[in-house]
N, C-alpha and C. Protein backbone atom coordinates (compact mmCIF):
# COMPACT_ATOMS: atom_id res chain seq x y z
N MET A 1 -38.93 -45.75 94.53
CA MET A 1 -38.25 -46.76 93.91
C MET A 1 -36.61 -46.65 94.89
N PRO A 2 -36.39 -47.63 95.38
CA PRO A 2 -35.09 -47.72 96.04
C PRO A 2 -34.19 -47.76 95.02
N VAL A 3 -32.85 -47.01 95.38
CA VAL A 3 -31.68 -46.77 94.49
C VAL A 3 -30.90 -48.06 95.14
N ASN A 4 -30.52 -49.23 94.35
CA ASN A 4 -29.87 -50.29 94.82
C ASN A 4 -28.37 -50.55 94.31
N HIS A 5 -28.18 -49.59 93.49
CA HIS A 5 -26.88 -49.48 92.87
C HIS A 5 -25.52 -49.15 93.68
N LYS A 6 -24.35 -49.94 93.54
CA LYS A 6 -23.34 -49.47 94.25
C LYS A 6 -22.67 -48.24 93.52
N THR A 7 -21.93 -47.32 94.44
CA THR A 7 -21.69 -46.00 94.08
C THR A 7 -20.38 -45.70 95.00
N LYS A 8 -19.52 -44.86 94.22
CA LYS A 8 -18.56 -44.08 95.14
C LYS A 8 -18.94 -42.71 95.49
N ASN A 9 -20.26 -42.69 95.27
CA ASN A 9 -20.75 -41.28 95.99
C ASN A 9 -20.90 -41.28 97.23
N ASP A 10 -20.65 -40.22 97.79
CA ASP A 10 -20.94 -40.38 99.50
C ASP A 10 -22.14 -39.76 100.19
N LEU A 11 -23.14 -39.48 99.07
CA LEU A 11 -24.43 -39.03 99.66
C LEU A 11 -24.86 -40.53 100.10
N ALA A 12 -25.89 -40.07 101.13
CA ALA A 12 -26.73 -41.06 101.77
C ALA A 12 -27.68 -41.89 100.85
N ARG A 13 -28.02 -42.76 101.10
CA ARG A 13 -28.83 -43.57 100.28
C ARG A 13 -30.10 -42.67 100.07
N THR A 14 -30.56 -42.34 101.26
CA THR A 14 -32.04 -41.69 101.25
C THR A 14 -31.74 -40.13 100.32
N THR A 15 -30.74 -39.73 100.39
CA THR A 15 -30.35 -38.47 99.37
C THR A 15 -30.41 -38.90 98.21
N ARG A 16 -29.78 -39.84 97.76
CA ARG A 16 -29.75 -40.36 96.49
C ARG A 16 -30.84 -40.86 95.83
N GLU A 17 -31.66 -41.40 96.60
CA GLU A 17 -33.01 -41.62 96.23
C GLU A 17 -33.95 -40.53 95.82
N LYS A 18 -33.99 -39.40 96.72
CA LYS A 18 -34.38 -38.12 96.33
C LYS A 18 -33.97 -37.58 95.26
N VAL A 19 -32.54 -37.51 95.15
CA VAL A 19 -32.08 -36.81 93.87
C VAL A 19 -32.47 -37.52 92.52
N VAL A 20 -32.65 -38.76 92.49
CA VAL A 20 -32.94 -39.82 91.34
C VAL A 20 -34.51 -39.35 91.24
N ASN A 21 -35.21 -39.35 92.14
CA ASN A 21 -36.58 -39.12 91.90
C ASN A 21 -36.83 -37.65 91.17
N LEU A 22 -36.27 -36.65 91.74
CA LEU A 22 -36.05 -35.49 91.26
C LEU A 22 -35.72 -35.16 90.05
N LEU A 23 -34.51 -35.72 89.53
CA LEU A 23 -33.90 -35.87 88.24
C LEU A 23 -34.98 -36.55 87.22
N ASN A 24 -35.51 -37.66 87.63
CA ASN A 24 -36.42 -38.14 86.66
C ASN A 24 -37.51 -37.51 86.52
N ALA A 25 -38.33 -36.80 87.23
CA ALA A 25 -39.41 -35.72 87.13
C ALA A 25 -39.01 -34.66 86.25
N ARG A 26 -37.83 -34.16 86.29
CA ARG A 26 -37.17 -33.02 85.55
C ARG A 26 -37.15 -33.58 84.11
N LEU A 27 -36.60 -34.75 83.70
CA LEU A 27 -36.32 -35.33 82.51
C LEU A 27 -37.88 -35.53 81.96
N ALA A 28 -39.00 -35.98 82.60
CA ALA A 28 -40.11 -36.10 82.04
C ALA A 28 -40.73 -34.68 81.69
N ASP A 29 -40.42 -33.70 82.57
CA ASP A 29 -40.83 -32.48 82.30
C ASP A 29 -40.16 -31.86 80.88
N ALA A 30 -38.92 -32.07 80.77
CA ALA A 30 -38.29 -31.67 79.67
C ALA A 30 -38.92 -32.34 78.53
N THR A 31 -39.05 -33.72 78.54
CA THR A 31 -39.32 -34.43 77.40
C THR A 31 -40.91 -33.92 77.03
N ASP A 32 -41.89 -33.53 78.03
CA ASP A 32 -42.96 -33.10 77.67
C ASP A 32 -43.02 -31.91 76.96
N LEU A 33 -42.14 -30.96 77.52
CA LEU A 33 -41.98 -29.46 76.79
C LEU A 33 -41.28 -29.78 75.17
N MET A 34 -40.45 -30.61 75.10
CA MET A 34 -40.01 -30.78 73.86
C MET A 34 -41.15 -31.27 72.85
N MET A 35 -41.74 -32.45 73.18
CA MET A 35 -42.75 -33.03 72.44
C MET A 35 -43.92 -31.95 72.15
N ALA A 36 -44.26 -31.14 73.26
CA ALA A 36 -45.30 -30.14 73.07
C ALA A 36 -44.74 -29.19 71.78
N ALA A 37 -43.43 -28.66 71.93
CA ALA A 37 -42.98 -27.63 71.15
C ALA A 37 -42.83 -28.34 69.52
N LYS A 38 -42.54 -29.65 69.31
CA LYS A 38 -42.62 -30.07 68.21
C LYS A 38 -43.93 -30.30 67.80
N GLN A 39 -44.94 -30.64 68.52
CA GLN A 39 -46.44 -30.66 68.12
C GLN A 39 -46.83 -29.39 67.68
N ALA A 40 -46.52 -28.36 68.28
CA ALA A 40 -46.87 -27.02 68.05
C ALA A 40 -46.35 -26.38 66.82
N HIS A 41 -45.07 -26.81 66.55
CA HIS A 41 -44.18 -26.49 65.48
C HIS A 41 -44.84 -26.90 64.06
N TRP A 42 -45.45 -28.20 64.33
CA TRP A 42 -46.13 -28.87 62.85
C TRP A 42 -47.47 -28.45 62.78
N ASN A 43 -47.98 -27.73 63.72
CA ASN A 43 -49.43 -27.40 63.84
C ASN A 43 -49.73 -25.89 63.82
N VAL A 44 -48.64 -25.26 63.65
CA VAL A 44 -48.94 -23.80 63.74
C VAL A 44 -49.64 -23.05 62.57
N LYS A 45 -50.47 -22.21 62.82
CA LYS A 45 -51.08 -21.61 61.58
C LYS A 45 -51.31 -20.03 61.82
N GLY A 46 -51.60 -19.39 60.68
CA GLY A 46 -51.88 -18.00 60.87
C GLY A 46 -50.80 -17.19 60.14
N PRO A 47 -51.08 -15.84 60.28
CA PRO A 47 -50.35 -14.74 59.71
C PRO A 47 -48.73 -14.79 60.05
N GLN A 48 -48.43 -15.18 61.40
CA GLN A 48 -46.77 -15.33 61.85
C GLN A 48 -46.46 -16.55 61.85
N PHE A 49 -47.03 -17.50 60.75
CA PHE A 49 -46.77 -18.70 60.90
C PHE A 49 -45.08 -19.01 60.92
N GLN A 50 -44.30 -18.47 59.75
CA GLN A 50 -42.98 -18.60 59.58
C GLN A 50 -42.11 -18.30 60.78
N GLN A 51 -42.53 -16.96 61.53
CA GLN A 51 -41.73 -16.77 62.59
C GLN A 51 -41.99 -17.94 63.65
N LEU A 52 -43.31 -18.14 64.10
CA LEU A 52 -43.59 -19.06 65.32
C LEU A 52 -43.24 -20.56 64.90
N HIS A 53 -42.98 -20.89 63.53
CA HIS A 53 -42.43 -22.18 63.00
C HIS A 53 -40.94 -22.33 63.43
N GLU A 54 -40.36 -21.14 63.11
CA GLU A 54 -38.80 -21.12 63.39
C GLU A 54 -38.59 -21.00 64.92
N LEU A 55 -39.36 -20.06 65.57
CA LEU A 55 -39.23 -20.25 67.00
C LEU A 55 -39.54 -21.50 67.70
N LEU A 56 -40.44 -22.10 67.42
CA LEU A 56 -40.89 -23.35 68.01
C LEU A 56 -39.83 -24.27 67.80
N ASP A 57 -39.14 -24.46 66.52
CA ASP A 57 -37.99 -25.35 66.22
C ASP A 57 -37.05 -25.18 67.10
N GLU A 58 -36.61 -23.96 67.40
CA GLU A 58 -35.43 -23.50 68.24
C GLU A 58 -35.66 -24.22 69.55
N VAL A 59 -36.81 -23.99 70.03
CA VAL A 59 -37.23 -24.46 71.30
C VAL A 59 -37.08 -25.87 71.24
N TYR A 60 -37.81 -26.63 70.46
CA TYR A 60 -37.66 -28.10 70.25
C TYR A 60 -35.91 -28.44 70.64
N ALA A 61 -35.24 -27.68 69.50
CA ALA A 61 -33.68 -28.05 69.63
C ALA A 61 -32.91 -27.70 70.95
N LEU A 62 -33.32 -26.86 71.38
CA LEU A 62 -32.89 -26.39 72.64
C LEU A 62 -33.14 -27.62 73.67
N VAL A 63 -34.26 -27.72 73.91
CA VAL A 63 -34.87 -28.87 74.82
C VAL A 63 -34.25 -30.01 74.61
N ALA A 64 -34.02 -30.59 73.43
CA ALA A 64 -33.74 -31.68 72.96
C ALA A 64 -32.09 -31.96 73.48
N GLY A 65 -31.36 -30.79 73.36
CA GLY A 65 -29.97 -30.70 73.77
C GLY A 65 -29.82 -31.22 75.45
N TYR A 66 -30.84 -30.89 76.11
CA TYR A 66 -30.77 -31.66 77.70
C TYR A 66 -31.10 -32.80 77.58
């Protein structure tokens, strides 16, 4: 997807396009991780329920910060 926005950035257009694509991919990865942690958080079962529930809540909160 071409980047057509005016910028004061001195990076070449092709470099900006690559950076945008990489950043979008990492954003998607972080969102997937965040949602997987929240899903696991709500569905954890077993003898270590409390510890895992809290750990997954921490993972979710940390990833959501990014």
